[in-house]
Amino acid sequence: MDEAGVSKLQALKVQGEGMIREQALVAGDWVDGQGRIEVEDPAEETVIGHAPKLSAAQVETAVKAASDAFPAWAGMREFERAAILRRWGELIDRDIDGLGALLSLENGKPFAEARGEIGYANQFVKWFAGEAERLNGAWIPSPTAHDRILAMRQPVGPVAAITPWNFPAAMITRKVAPAFAAGCTVVLKPASATPFSALALAALALEAGVPPGVFSVMTGESGVIAPVLTSSPLLRKLSFTGSTGVGRELMAACAPTLKRLSMELGGAAPLIVFEDADLELAVAETVKGKFRCAGQTCVCPNRVYVHVDIYDAFLERLTARVAALKVGAPFEPGAEIGPLIDLKGLEKVEDHVQRTVARGGRVLTGGERHERGGRFFQPTVLDGGDETLFRDEETFGPVVPVFPFRTEEEVIALANASEFGLASYLFSENLNRVMRVAAAIEAGMVGVNVGLMSNAANPFGGVKQSGFGREGSIYGIEEYLQVKAVTLGLRWAMGPKPAPPV
């Protein structure tokens, strides 16, 4: 990249820094907390700002405001809420460069990838603006003579949302946009590592016309905020994206108030390459899916199974592609792989590599901390070892382990031998095989000849210990709606009309 290009990236960094907001949004007001949380740039390991630590009382204020604002927001005509969502989407488009730069600063993604996430996040805002205008019910014939049943779709009520750090913009809009479209108010708890993207999106939502109290963003300690959200009878639903262990704890905490739940939890996605696959496509899509966000995604391939007939050829091509990936800070020209979010994540990746080697696996490229130091790890390809490690644990880093298989039945059993069931991938040119395997794999999502499949139209969610509920698509708004049955006794309309009064 020439000097002008480098200067533009640095200008974008400054633009992102200018969007940092160090107050939380409570009941329509920007407020300080009872202390502050340092937010770091994972690439530079420097503090870029501080987010307030809200008290339990401040969280309760936000919950009360969401409850108070709910009747008017739910009672607003659907096309009016849709117009506000569309305006929110326009504002996100307007500020896409600054939002992308801000996301890079707090998450560590290369700027091009972070900007792409903002566009992806905005897909949900625009999609659910359309869904807001299609909240149709049903007119149901009744088995009781002359009665008719009206099925009305209504918002569930005020909701809580808890989102992770790996997609700090998209995970928010994927929950908040359908909630708004349905007529729900939202109290959001973003990850403490990446609060600024949430606050910037909230500021744009207010600018778009979201009324005070409809959207609050709670920053601070999970141990303070989460108990208020789970125990409050004013909140009717909780949507959570995060680890399976934390998901179980939140479910238990919500039990006394019988909240509706959506849980998008951990994954250990298998990727299967059959002998008839397009080899170049399979390699390219594996790299694309695995190394997004430096491998820190719950849907990226966590274990790759390749048929023995093409195993060596696949490994040779994959290793060359991975070895060529450029590691760098978000605003460095050409950067493709950024840092891990923290040292704990780095140590886990290192541990998985070491355990693989100890169990007979080979490192074909990478395998160590990057020479840059800090939180950077070399993009890594592993050959063989104990594949049960990658069935049972998410690596959450730039490491792709590859294992051979011989038969379709064998690889289906390997793919399903995990408690997780979020995403899965398969590569084959045989349509019959594709349909058989896609039906047999125990996962909420199957990508066929693709390494990336997340978009606003695709129902996103898992099975087994990967959770339940769906986000995005025509099904995503159902998580925020309940059906009310209204039975109409219309007997007079089926016979003579009553005589007029004398």
Protein backbone atom coordinates (compact mmCIF):
# COMPACT_ATOMS: atom_id res chain seq x y z
CA MET A 1 0.00 0.00 0.00
CA ASP A 2 1.27 3.48 -0.87
CA GLU A 3 1.83 6.30 1.59
CA ALA A 4 -1.63 7.74 0.97
CA GLY A 5 -3.22 4.41 1.85
CA VAL A 6 -1.26 4.17 5.08
CA SER A 7 -2.25 7.71 6.01
CA LYS A 8 -5.91 6.90 5.35
CA LEU A 9 -5.78 3.93 7.72
CA GLN A 10 -4.24 6.09 10.43
CA ALA A 11 -6.92 8.74 9.87
CA LEU A 12 -9.57 6.04 10.29
CA LYS A 13 -7.97 5.03 13.59
CA VAL A 14 -8.29 8.61 14.80
CA GLN A 15 -11.91 8.64 13.62
CA GLY A 16 -12.63 5.51 15.64
CA GLU A 17 -11.00 7.00 18.72
CA GLY A 18 -13.27 10.01 18.35
CA MET A 19 -16.36 7.77 18.62
CA ILE A 20 -15.42 6.40 22.03
CA ARG A 21 -18.20 7.20 24.51
CA GLU A 22 -17.38 6.73 28.20
CA GLN A 23 -20.89 6.87 29.65
CA ALA A 24 -23.61 4.22 29.76
CA LEU A 25 -27.15 4.74 28.49
CA VAL A 26 -29.75 4.44 31.26
CA ALA A 27 -33.38 5.34 30.66
CA GLY A 28 -32.51 7.79 27.91
CA ASP A 29 -29.69 9.52 29.83
CA TRP A 30 -25.91 9.17 29.49
CA VAL A 31 -24.60 8.41 32.96
CA ASP A 32 -21.42 7.67 34.88
CA GLY A 33 -21.07 4.66 37.16
CA GLN A 34 -19.64 3.79 40.56
CA GLY A 35 -16.20 3.20 39.10
CA ARG A 36 -14.61 2.55 35.71
CA ILE A 37 -13.45 -0.41 33.60
CA GLU A 38 -10.33 -0.09 31.48
CA VAL A 39 -10.88 -1.05 27.84
CA GLU A 40 -7.75 -2.13 25.99
CA ASP A 41 -6.63 -2.26 22.39
CA PRO A 42 -5.66 -5.96 22.07
CA ALA A 43 -3.07 -5.18 19.41
CA GLU A 44 -1.21 -2.43 21.22
CA GLU A 45 -2.12 -3.56 24.75
CA THR A 46 -2.85 0.03 25.69
CA VAL A 47 -5.91 1.53 27.34
CA ILE A 48 -8.14 3.25 24.79
CA GLY A 49 -10.86 4.38 27.21
CA HIS A 50 -12.98 3.60 30.23
CA ALA A 51 -16.51 2.27 30.56
CA PRO A 52 -18.57 3.01 33.67
CA LYS A 53 -19.27 0.33 36.27
CA LEU A 54 -22.97 0.66 36.87
CA SER A 55 -24.47 -0.15 40.24
CA ALA A 56 -27.34 -2.57 40.73
CA ALA A 57 -29.59 0.42 41.45
CA GLN A 58 -28.71 1.97 38.08
CA VAL A 59 -29.51 -1.31 36.32
CA GLU A 60 -32.84 -1.44 38.14
CA THR A 61 -33.54 2.08 36.89
CA ALA A 62 -32.94 0.93 33.32
CA VAL A 63 -35.20 -2.09 33.79
CA LYS A 64 -37.97 0.08 35.24
CA ALA A 65 -37.62 2.51 32.34
CA ALA A 66 -37.88 -0.38 29.84
CA SER A 67 -41.06 -1.52 31.57
CA ASP A 68 -42.54 1.98 31.62
CA ALA A 69 -41.67 2.60 27.95
CA PHE A 70 -43.03 -0.73 26.75
CA PRO A 71 -46.77 0.06 26.40
CA ALA A 72 -46.23 3.06 24.14
CA TRP A 73 -43.51 1.35 22.07
CA ALA A 74 -45.56 -1.83 21.66
CA GLY A 75 -48.63 0.24 20.85
CA MET A 76 -46.87 2.20 18.11
CA ARG A 77 -48.01 1.28 14.62
CA GLU A 78 -45.73 -1.26 13.00
CA PHE A 79 -44.76 0.94 10.08
CA GLU A 80 -43.64 3.64 12.51
CA ARG A 81 -41.24 1.27 14.26
CA ALA A 82 -40.07 0.09 10.84
CA ALA A 83 -39.32 3.69 9.84
CA ILE A 84 -37.19 4.17 12.96
CA LEU A 85 -35.27 0.98 12.21
CA ARG A 86 -34.68 2.10 8.63
CA ARG A 87 -33.38 5.43 9.87
CA TRP A 88 -31.08 3.59 12.28
CA GLY A 89 -29.76 1.59 9.36
CA GLU A 90 -29.13 4.76 7.35
CA LEU A 91 -27.15 6.26 10.22
CA ILE A 92 -25.06 3.10 10.57
CA ASP A 93 -24.28 3.29 6.85
CA ARG A 94 -23.35 6.95 7.25
CA ASP A 95 -20.86 6.17 10.04
CA ILE A 96 -19.66 2.77 8.81
CA ASP A 97 -15.99 3.77 8.60
CA GLY A 98 -15.88 5.24 12.10
CA LEU A 99 -17.83 2.33 13.57
CA GLY A 100 -15.49 -0.14 11.86
CA ALA A 101 -12.43 1.68 13.19
CA LEU A 102 -13.91 1.75 16.69
CA LEU A 103 -14.59 -1.98 16.53
CA SER A 104 -11.00 -2.62 15.41
CA LEU A 105 -9.64 -0.62 18.32
CA GLU A 106 -11.47 -2.57 21.02
CA ASN A 107 -11.61 -6.01 19.37
CA GLY A 108 -8.37 -6.18 17.37
CA LYS A 109 -9.86 -7.22 14.01
CA PRO A 110 -8.17 -5.87 10.90
CA PHE A 111 -10.02 -2.76 9.77
CA ALA A 112 -11.37 -4.29 6.56
CA GLU A 113 -12.88 -7.17 8.52
CA ALA A 114 -14.27 -4.87 11.20
CA ARG A 115 -15.88 -2.62 8.60
CA GLY A 116 -17.37 -5.75 7.06
CA GLU A 117 -18.87 -6.64 10.41
CA ILE A 118 -20.60 -3.27 10.61
CA GLY A 119 -22.18 -3.96 7.22
CA TYR A 120 -23.17 -7.43 8.41
CA ALA A 121 -24.64 -5.95 11.60
CA ASN A 122 -26.67 -3.51 9.56
CA GLN A 123 -28.18 -6.36 7.55
CA PHE A 124 -30.21 -7.25 10.64
CA VAL A 125 -31.43 -3.71 11.19
CA LYS A 126 -32.62 -3.47 7.60
CA TRP A 127 -34.04 -7.00 7.50
CA PHE A 128 -36.13 -6.58 10.63
CA ALA A 129 -37.35 -3.18 9.53
CA GLY A 130 -39.12 -5.16 6.83
CA GLU A 131 -40.31 -7.84 9.23
CA ALA A 132 -41.84 -5.16 11.48
CA GLU A 133 -44.43 -4.52 8.77
CA ARG A 134 -45.36 -8.19 8.43
CA LEU A 135 -46.50 -9.11 11.93
CA ASN A 136 -49.60 -10.84 10.65
CA GLY A 137 -51.76 -13.09 12.78
CA ALA A 138 -54.17 -15.81 11.66
CA TRP A 139 -57.93 -16.27 11.27
CA ILE A 140 -58.67 -19.83 12.40
CA PRO A 141 -61.92 -21.77 11.83
CA SER A 142 -63.16 -23.21 15.12
CA PRO A 143 -64.59 -26.70 15.66
CA THR A 144 -67.24 -24.98 17.78
CA ALA A 145 -70.20 -23.99 15.64
CA HIS A 146 -70.07 -20.41 14.40
CA ASP A 147 -67.06 -19.39 16.54
CA ARG A 148 -63.92 -17.98 14.97
CA ILE A 149 -60.43 -17.78 16.48
CA LEU A 150 -58.11 -14.85 15.96
CA ALA A 151 -54.40 -15.59 16.64
CA MET A 152 -52.71 -12.30 17.48
CA ARG A 153 -48.91 -11.91 17.51
CA GLN A 154 -47.83 -9.56 20.26
CA PRO A 155 -44.46 -8.58 21.79
CA VAL A 156 -43.35 -10.65 24.77
CA GLY A 157 -42.50 -7.52 26.78
CA PRO A 158 -39.29 -5.86 27.96
CA VAL A 159 -36.27 -8.07 27.28
CA ALA A 160 -32.66 -8.39 28.40
CA ALA A 161 -29.80 -9.14 26.02
CA ILE A 162 -26.24 -10.18 26.87
CA THR A 163 -23.70 -10.13 24.04
CA PRO A 164 -20.06 -11.27 23.58
CA TRP A 165 -16.86 -9.52 22.52
CA ASN A 166 -16.05 -11.39 19.30
CA PHE A 167 -18.76 -9.70 17.21
CA PRO A 168 -19.47 -6.61 19.30
CA ALA A 169 -21.73 -4.98 16.69
CA ALA A 170 -23.43 -7.87 14.87
CA MET A 171 -24.42 -9.76 18.01
CA ILE A 172 -26.18 -6.62 19.23
CA THR A 173 -28.21 -5.82 16.13
CA ARG A 174 -29.08 -9.51 15.69
CA LYS A 175 -30.92 -9.30 19.03
CA VAL A 176 -32.00 -5.68 19.32
CA ALA A 177 -33.36 -5.18 15.79
CA PRO A 178 -35.93 -8.02 15.96
CA ALA A 179 -36.87 -7.00 19.49
CA PHE A 180 -37.56 -3.44 18.34
CA ALA A 181 -39.45 -4.69 15.28
CA ALA A 182 -41.67 -6.85 17.48
CA GLY A 183 -42.38 -3.97 19.87
CA CYS A 184 -40.11 -5.03 22.75
CA THR A 185 -37.94 -2.69 24.79
CA VAL A 186 -34.35 -3.80 25.46
CA VAL A 187 -31.84 -3.64 28.30
CA LEU A 188 -28.46 -4.64 26.85
CA LYS A 189 -25.31 -5.84 28.65
CA PRO A 190 -22.35 -5.84 26.20
CA ALA A 191 -19.05 -7.55 26.95
CA SER A 192 -16.74 -5.48 29.12
CA ALA A 193 -13.88 -5.99 26.65
CA THR A 194 -15.84 -4.31 23.84
CA PRO A 195 -18.43 -1.86 25.21
CA PHE A 196 -17.79 1.08 22.90
CA SER A 197 -19.37 -0.41 19.77
CA ALA A 198 -22.56 -0.99 21.76
CA LEU A 199 -22.63 2.57 23.07
CA ALA A 200 -21.99 4.01 19.60
CA LEU A 201 -24.84 1.95 18.11
CA ALA A 202 -27.11 3.06 20.95
CA ALA A 203 -26.30 6.72 20.27
CA LEU A 204 -27.32 6.22 16.64
CA ALA A 205 -30.52 4.47 17.73
CA LEU A 206 -31.47 7.52 19.79
CA GLU A 207 -30.65 9.77 16.84
CA ALA A 208 -32.89 7.59 14.67
CA GLY A 209 -35.84 8.22 16.98
CA VAL A 210 -35.86 5.35 19.46
CA PRO A 211 -37.69 6.86 22.47
CA PRO A 212 -36.04 7.22 25.91
CA GLY A 213 -36.23 4.04 27.96
CA VAL A 214 -36.77 1.76 24.96
CA PHE A 215 -33.02 1.00 24.75
CA SER A 216 -30.54 1.02 27.65
CA VAL A 217 -26.92 -0.15 27.53
CA MET A 218 -25.48 -1.40 30.81
CA THR A 219 -21.70 -1.49 31.16
CA GLY A 220 -19.92 -2.88 34.18
CA GLU A 221 -19.41 -6.09 36.08
CA SER A 222 -21.43 -9.13 35.05
CA GLY A 223 -21.71 -10.17 38.69
CA VAL A 224 -23.59 -6.94 39.43
CA ILE A 225 -25.67 -6.56 36.28
CA ALA A 226 -26.70 -10.13 35.42
CA PRO A 227 -28.47 -10.91 38.74
CA VAL A 228 -30.70 -7.87 38.28
CA LEU A 229 -31.56 -8.89 34.72
CA THR A 230 -32.28 -12.53 35.55
CA SER A 231 -34.29 -11.90 38.72
CA SER A 232 -36.44 -8.97 37.61
CA PRO A 233 -40.09 -9.91 37.01
CA LEU A 234 -40.36 -6.84 34.76
CA LEU A 235 -38.15 -8.47 32.12
CA ARG A 236 -40.00 -11.20 30.23
CA LYS A 237 -37.16 -12.63 28.15
CA LEU A 238 -33.38 -13.06 28.09
CA SER A 239 -31.33 -13.53 24.92
CA PHE A 240 -27.72 -14.62 25.50
CA THR A 241 -24.73 -15.37 23.29
CA GLY A 242 -21.72 -16.85 25.02
CA SER A 243 -20.31 -20.03 26.53
CA THR A 244 -22.39 -23.07 27.34
CA GLY A 245 -21.33 -22.95 30.98
CA VAL A 246 -22.52 -19.39 31.48
CA GLY A 247 -25.67 -20.19 29.54
CA ARG A 248 -26.54 -22.92 32.03
CA GLU A 249 -26.02 -20.52 34.94
CA LEU A 250 -28.26 -17.89 33.36
CA MET A 251 -30.99 -20.46 32.67
CA ALA A 252 -31.00 -21.49 36.29
CA ALA A 253 -31.11 -17.86 37.45
CA CYS A 254 -34.07 -17.14 35.16
CA ALA A 255 -36.08 -20.14 36.33
CA PRO A 256 -37.88 -18.42 39.24
CA THR A 257 -39.32 -15.76 36.91
CA LEU A 258 -39.95 -18.23 34.04
CA LYS A 259 -38.41 -15.97 31.43
CA ARG A 260 -38.45 -16.92 27.80
CA LEU A 261 -34.91 -17.72 26.71
CA SER A 262 -32.79 -17.71 23.57
CA MET A 263 -29.38 -19.29 23.99
CA GLU A 264 -26.64 -19.19 21.32
CA LEU A 265 -23.85 -21.09 23.02
CA GLY A 266 -20.56 -22.80 22.27
CA GLY A 267 -19.61 -24.81 19.22
CA ALA A 268 -17.05 -27.29 17.93
CA ALA A 269 -17.92 -27.19 14.26
CA PRO A 270 -16.83 -30.10 12.06
CA LEU A 271 -15.80 -29.47 8.46
CA ILE A 272 -15.84 -32.51 6.16
CA VAL A 273 -14.09 -32.73 2.80
CA PHE A 274 -15.11 -35.73 0.68
CA GLU A 275 -12.95 -37.22 -2.05
CA ASP A 276 -15.13 -35.74 -4.81
CA ALA A 277 -14.91 -32.17 -3.47
CA ASP A 278 -13.52 -29.24 -5.41
CA LEU A 279 -10.18 -29.21 -3.61
CA GLU A 280 -9.23 -25.60 -4.26
CA LEU A 281 -12.66 -24.40 -3.17
CA ALA A 282 -12.54 -26.52 -0.01
CA VAL A 283 -9.14 -25.12 0.97
CA ALA A 284 -10.12 -21.51 0.25
CA GLU A 285 -13.39 -21.75 2.16
CA THR A 286 -11.74 -23.52 5.10
CA VAL A 287 -9.27 -20.65 5.44
CA LYS A 288 -12.04 -18.07 5.04
CA GLY A 289 -14.22 -19.68 7.70
CA LYS A 290 -11.52 -20.67 10.17
CA PHE A 291 -9.40 -17.52 10.36
CA ARG A 292 -12.07 -14.84 10.53
CA CYS A 293 -11.63 -12.89 13.78
CA ALA A 294 -8.37 -14.84 14.27
CA GLY A 295 -10.43 -18.00 14.76
CA GLN A 296 -12.38 -16.52 17.65
CA THR A 297 -15.86 -17.47 16.46
CA CYS A 298 -18.27 -20.11 17.67
CA VAL A 299 -19.16 -21.19 14.12
CA CYS A 300 -15.67 -21.48 12.63
CA PRO A 301 -14.39 -24.99 11.81
CA ASN A 302 -12.93 -26.40 15.01
CA ARG A 303 -11.97 -29.77 13.45
CA VAL A 304 -11.47 -30.70 9.80
CA TYR A 305 -11.98 -34.22 8.45
CA VAL A 306 -10.56 -35.00 5.00
CA HIS A 307 -10.95 -38.22 3.00
CA VAL A 308 -7.75 -40.26 2.86
CA ASP A 309 -7.63 -40.17 -0.95
CA ILE A 310 -7.10 -36.40 -0.99
CA TYR A 311 -5.67 -35.92 2.50
CA ASP A 312 -2.07 -35.13 1.53
CA ALA A 313 -3.09 -32.84 -1.32
CA PHE A 314 -5.48 -30.93 0.93
CA LEU A 315 -2.86 -30.52 3.66
CA GLU A 316 -0.25 -29.28 1.20
CA ARG A 317 -2.56 -26.60 -0.22
CA LEU A 318 -3.98 -25.62 3.16
CA THR A 319 -0.56 -25.26 4.74
CA ALA A 320 0.64 -23.00 1.93
CA ARG A 321 -2.45 -20.77 2.22
CA VAL A 322 -2.23 -20.48 6.00
CA ALA A 323 1.52 -19.82 6.02
CA ALA A 324 0.92 -16.88 3.68
CA LEU A 325 -1.62 -15.14 5.92
CA LYS A 326 -0.36 -11.78 7.16
CA VAL A 327 -0.47 -11.17 10.89
CA GLY A 328 -0.76 -7.55 11.89
CA ALA A 329 -2.41 -4.84 13.94
CA PRO A 330 -5.81 -3.62 12.69
CA PHE A 331 -4.57 -0.51 10.90
CA GLU A 332 -1.49 -2.04 9.28
CA PRO A 333 -1.75 -2.35 5.49
CA GLY A 334 -2.69 -5.86 4.39
CA ALA A 335 -3.31 -7.25 7.87
CA GLU A 336 -5.42 -10.43 7.75
CA ILE A 337 -5.01 -11.91 11.24
CA GLY A 338 -5.19 -9.73 14.32
CA PRO A 339 -4.41 -10.47 17.97
CA LEU A 340 -6.39 -12.65 20.34
CA ILE A 341 -8.63 -10.77 22.73
CA ASP A 342 -6.54 -11.45 25.84
CA LEU A 343 -3.65 -13.50 27.24
CA LYS A 344 -6.00 -16.14 28.59
CA GLY A 345 -7.18 -16.83 25.06
CA LEU A 346 -3.61 -16.94 23.82
CA GLU A 347 -2.65 -19.47 26.49
CA LYS A 348 -5.59 -21.71 25.57
CA VAL A 349 -4.54 -21.78 21.91
CA GLU A 350 -0.98 -22.56 22.91
CA ASP A 351 -2.20 -25.35 25.17
CA HIS A 352 -4.23 -26.96 22.37
CA VAL A 353 -1.20 -27.01 20.10
CA GLN A 354 1.02 -28.50 22.78
CA ARG A 355 -1.52 -31.18 23.70
CA THR A 356 -1.94 -32.12 20.04
CA VAL A 357 1.81 -32.58 19.58
CA ALA A 358 2.01 -34.58 22.81
CA ARG A 359 -0.66 -36.92 21.43
CA GLY A 360 1.11 -37.60 18.14
CA GLY A 361 0.09 -34.67 15.99
CA ARG A 362 2.39 -32.58 13.80
CA VAL A 363 2.66 -28.83 13.36
CA LEU A 364 2.81 -28.11 9.62
CA THR A 365 3.01 -24.34 9.95
CA GLY A 366 2.84 -21.92 12.87
CA GLY A 367 2.31 -23.46 16.26
CA GLU A 368 3.83 -20.71 18.41
CA ARG A 369 3.30 -17.21 19.64
CA HIS A 370 4.03 -14.73 16.90
CA GLU A 371 7.34 -12.87 16.84
CA ARG A 372 5.39 -9.64 17.30
CA GLY A 373 4.79 -10.71 20.89
CA GLY A 374 1.78 -9.56 22.87
CA ARG A 375 -1.44 -11.41 22.04
CA PHE A 376 -0.52 -12.48 18.51
CA PHE A 377 -0.33 -16.17 17.58
CA GLN A 378 0.94 -17.69 14.35
CA PRO A 379 -1.75 -19.06 12.00
CA THR A 380 -1.37 -22.80 12.49
CA VAL A 381 -2.14 -26.09 10.72
CA LEU A 382 -2.06 -29.32 12.73
CA ASP A 383 -1.91 -32.80 11.21
CA GLY A 384 -3.47 -35.59 13.27
CA GLY A 385 -3.25 -36.18 16.99
CA ASP A 386 -6.19 -36.75 19.30
CA GLU A 387 -9.27 -35.31 17.61
CA THR A 388 -11.39 -35.73 20.76
CA LEU A 389 -9.74 -32.58 22.13
CA PHE A 390 -11.35 -30.54 19.36
CA ARG A 391 -14.72 -32.26 19.71
CA ASP A 392 -14.88 -31.34 23.38
CA GLU A 393 -13.28 -27.87 23.52
CA GLU A 394 -13.44 -24.76 21.36
CA THR A 395 -9.95 -23.59 20.48
CA PHE A 396 -11.08 -20.02 19.74
CA GLY A 397 -7.90 -19.16 17.94
CA PRO A 398 -6.07 -19.33 14.57
CA VAL A 399 -5.45 -23.09 14.66
CA VAL A 400 -6.93 -25.64 12.23
CA PRO A 401 -6.50 -29.35 13.10
CA VAL A 402 -6.95 -31.85 10.24
CA PHE A 403 -7.76 -35.56 10.53
CA PRO A 404 -8.24 -38.33 7.91
CA PHE A 405 -11.35 -40.48 7.42
CA ARG A 406 -12.34 -43.31 5.06
CA THR A 407 -16.11 -43.73 4.95
CA GLU A 408 -19.20 -41.55 5.05
CA GLU A 409 -20.56 -43.46 8.03
CA GLU A 410 -17.31 -43.01 9.93
CA VAL A 411 -17.13 -39.25 9.43
CA ILE A 412 -20.77 -38.69 10.32
CA ALA A 413 -20.15 -40.50 13.60
CA LEU A 414 -17.07 -38.36 14.24
CA ALA A 415 -18.94 -35.15 13.43
CA ASN A 416 -21.76 -36.03 15.82
CA ALA A 417 -19.52 -37.28 18.65
CA SER A 418 -19.65 -33.92 20.42
CA GLU A 419 -21.98 -32.35 22.93
CA PHE A 420 -22.07 -29.26 20.70
CA GLY A 421 -24.22 -28.77 17.62
CA LEU A 422 -24.04 -25.23 16.29
CA ALA A 423 -22.47 -25.09 12.83
CA SER A 424 -21.07 -27.71 10.45
CA TYR A 425 -19.63 -27.74 6.94
CA LEU A 426 -19.23 -30.28 4.16
CA PHE A 427 -17.65 -30.23 0.71
CA SER A 428 -18.82 -32.57 -2.01
CA GLU A 429 -20.02 -32.42 -5.63
CA ASN A 430 -22.42 -35.37 -5.11
CA LEU A 431 -25.93 -34.04 -4.48
CA ASN A 432 -27.19 -37.31 -3.02
CA ARG A 433 -24.32 -37.40 -0.54
CA VAL A 434 -24.81 -33.75 0.32
CA MET A 435 -28.45 -34.31 1.23
CA ARG A 436 -27.73 -37.51 3.19
CA VAL A 437 -24.93 -36.00 5.25
CA ALA A 438 -26.65 -32.65 5.81
CA ALA A 439 -29.68 -34.50 7.19
CA ALA A 440 -27.55 -36.75 9.39
CA ILE A 441 -25.30 -34.14 11.00
CA GLU A 442 -26.52 -32.98 14.40
CA ALA A 443 -26.15 -29.23 14.03
CA GLY A 444 -28.43 -26.24 13.71
CA MET A 445 -26.64 -25.04 10.55
CA VAL A 446 -24.94 -26.85 7.69
CA GLY A 447 -22.80 -25.07 5.10
CA VAL A 448 -22.39 -26.96 1.83
CA ASN A 449 -19.35 -25.93 -0.24
CA VAL A 450 -19.13 -22.68 1.76
CA GLY A 451 -17.03 -21.66 4.75
CA LEU A 452 -19.14 -18.65 5.72
CA MET A 453 -22.93 -18.78 5.90
CA SER A 454 -24.07 -16.14 8.40
CA ASN A 455 -26.36 -13.45 7.04
CA ALA A 456 -29.62 -11.80 7.99
CA ALA A 457 -31.73 -14.26 5.97
CA ASN A 458 -30.20 -17.41 7.48
CA PRO A 459 -31.76 -18.90 10.65
CA PHE A 460 -28.84 -18.86 13.12
CA GLY A 461 -28.80 -21.21 16.10
CA GLY A 462 -27.82 -24.59 17.43
CA VAL A 463 -28.94 -27.86 18.96
CA LYS A 464 -27.71 -29.99 21.87
CA GLN A 465 -25.38 -28.05 24.18
CA SER A 466 -25.10 -25.25 21.62
CA GLY A 467 -28.42 -23.86 22.77
CA PHE A 468 -31.85 -23.15 21.30
CA GLY A 469 -33.78 -20.43 19.55
CA ARG A 470 -32.99 -18.81 16.22
CA GLU A 471 -31.65 -15.40 15.29
CA GLY A 472 -31.95 -13.64 11.96
CA SER A 473 -34.30 -14.77 9.17
CA ILE A 474 -38.08 -14.87 9.25
CA TYR A 475 -37.80 -17.00 12.40
CA GLY A 476 -35.70 -14.56 14.43
CA ILE A 477 -38.58 -12.24 15.25
CA GLU A 478 -40.64 -15.13 16.62
CA GLU A 479 -38.34 -15.23 19.64
CA TYR A 480 -39.75 -11.82 20.64
CA LEU A 481 -43.43 -12.53 19.93
CA GLN A 482 -46.14 -14.44 21.73
CA VAL A 483 -49.44 -15.64 20.34
CA LYS A 484 -52.69 -14.59 21.95
CA ALA A 485 -55.83 -16.52 20.96
CA VAL A 486 -59.04 -14.48 20.81
CA THR A 487 -62.20 -16.53 20.35
CA LEU A 488 -65.06 -14.65 18.72
CA GLY A 489 -68.60 -15.88 19.28
CA LEU A 490 -70.29 -14.84 16.02
CA ARG A 491 -73.41 -17.01 16.19
CA TRP A 492 -75.72 -14.15 15.20
CA ALA A 493 -73.88 -13.79 11.89
CA MET A 494 -74.66 -17.38 10.88
CA GLY A 495 -78.43 -17.09 11.26
CA PRO A 496 -81.20 -14.50 11.29
CA LYS A 497 -80.17 -11.15 12.63
CA PRO A 498 -81.82 -10.12 15.89
CA ALA A 499 -84.97 -8.00 15.53
CA PRO A 500 -84.43 -4.28 16.06
CA PRO A 501 -85.62 -2.88 19.37
CA VAL A 502 -89.19 -1.49 19.51
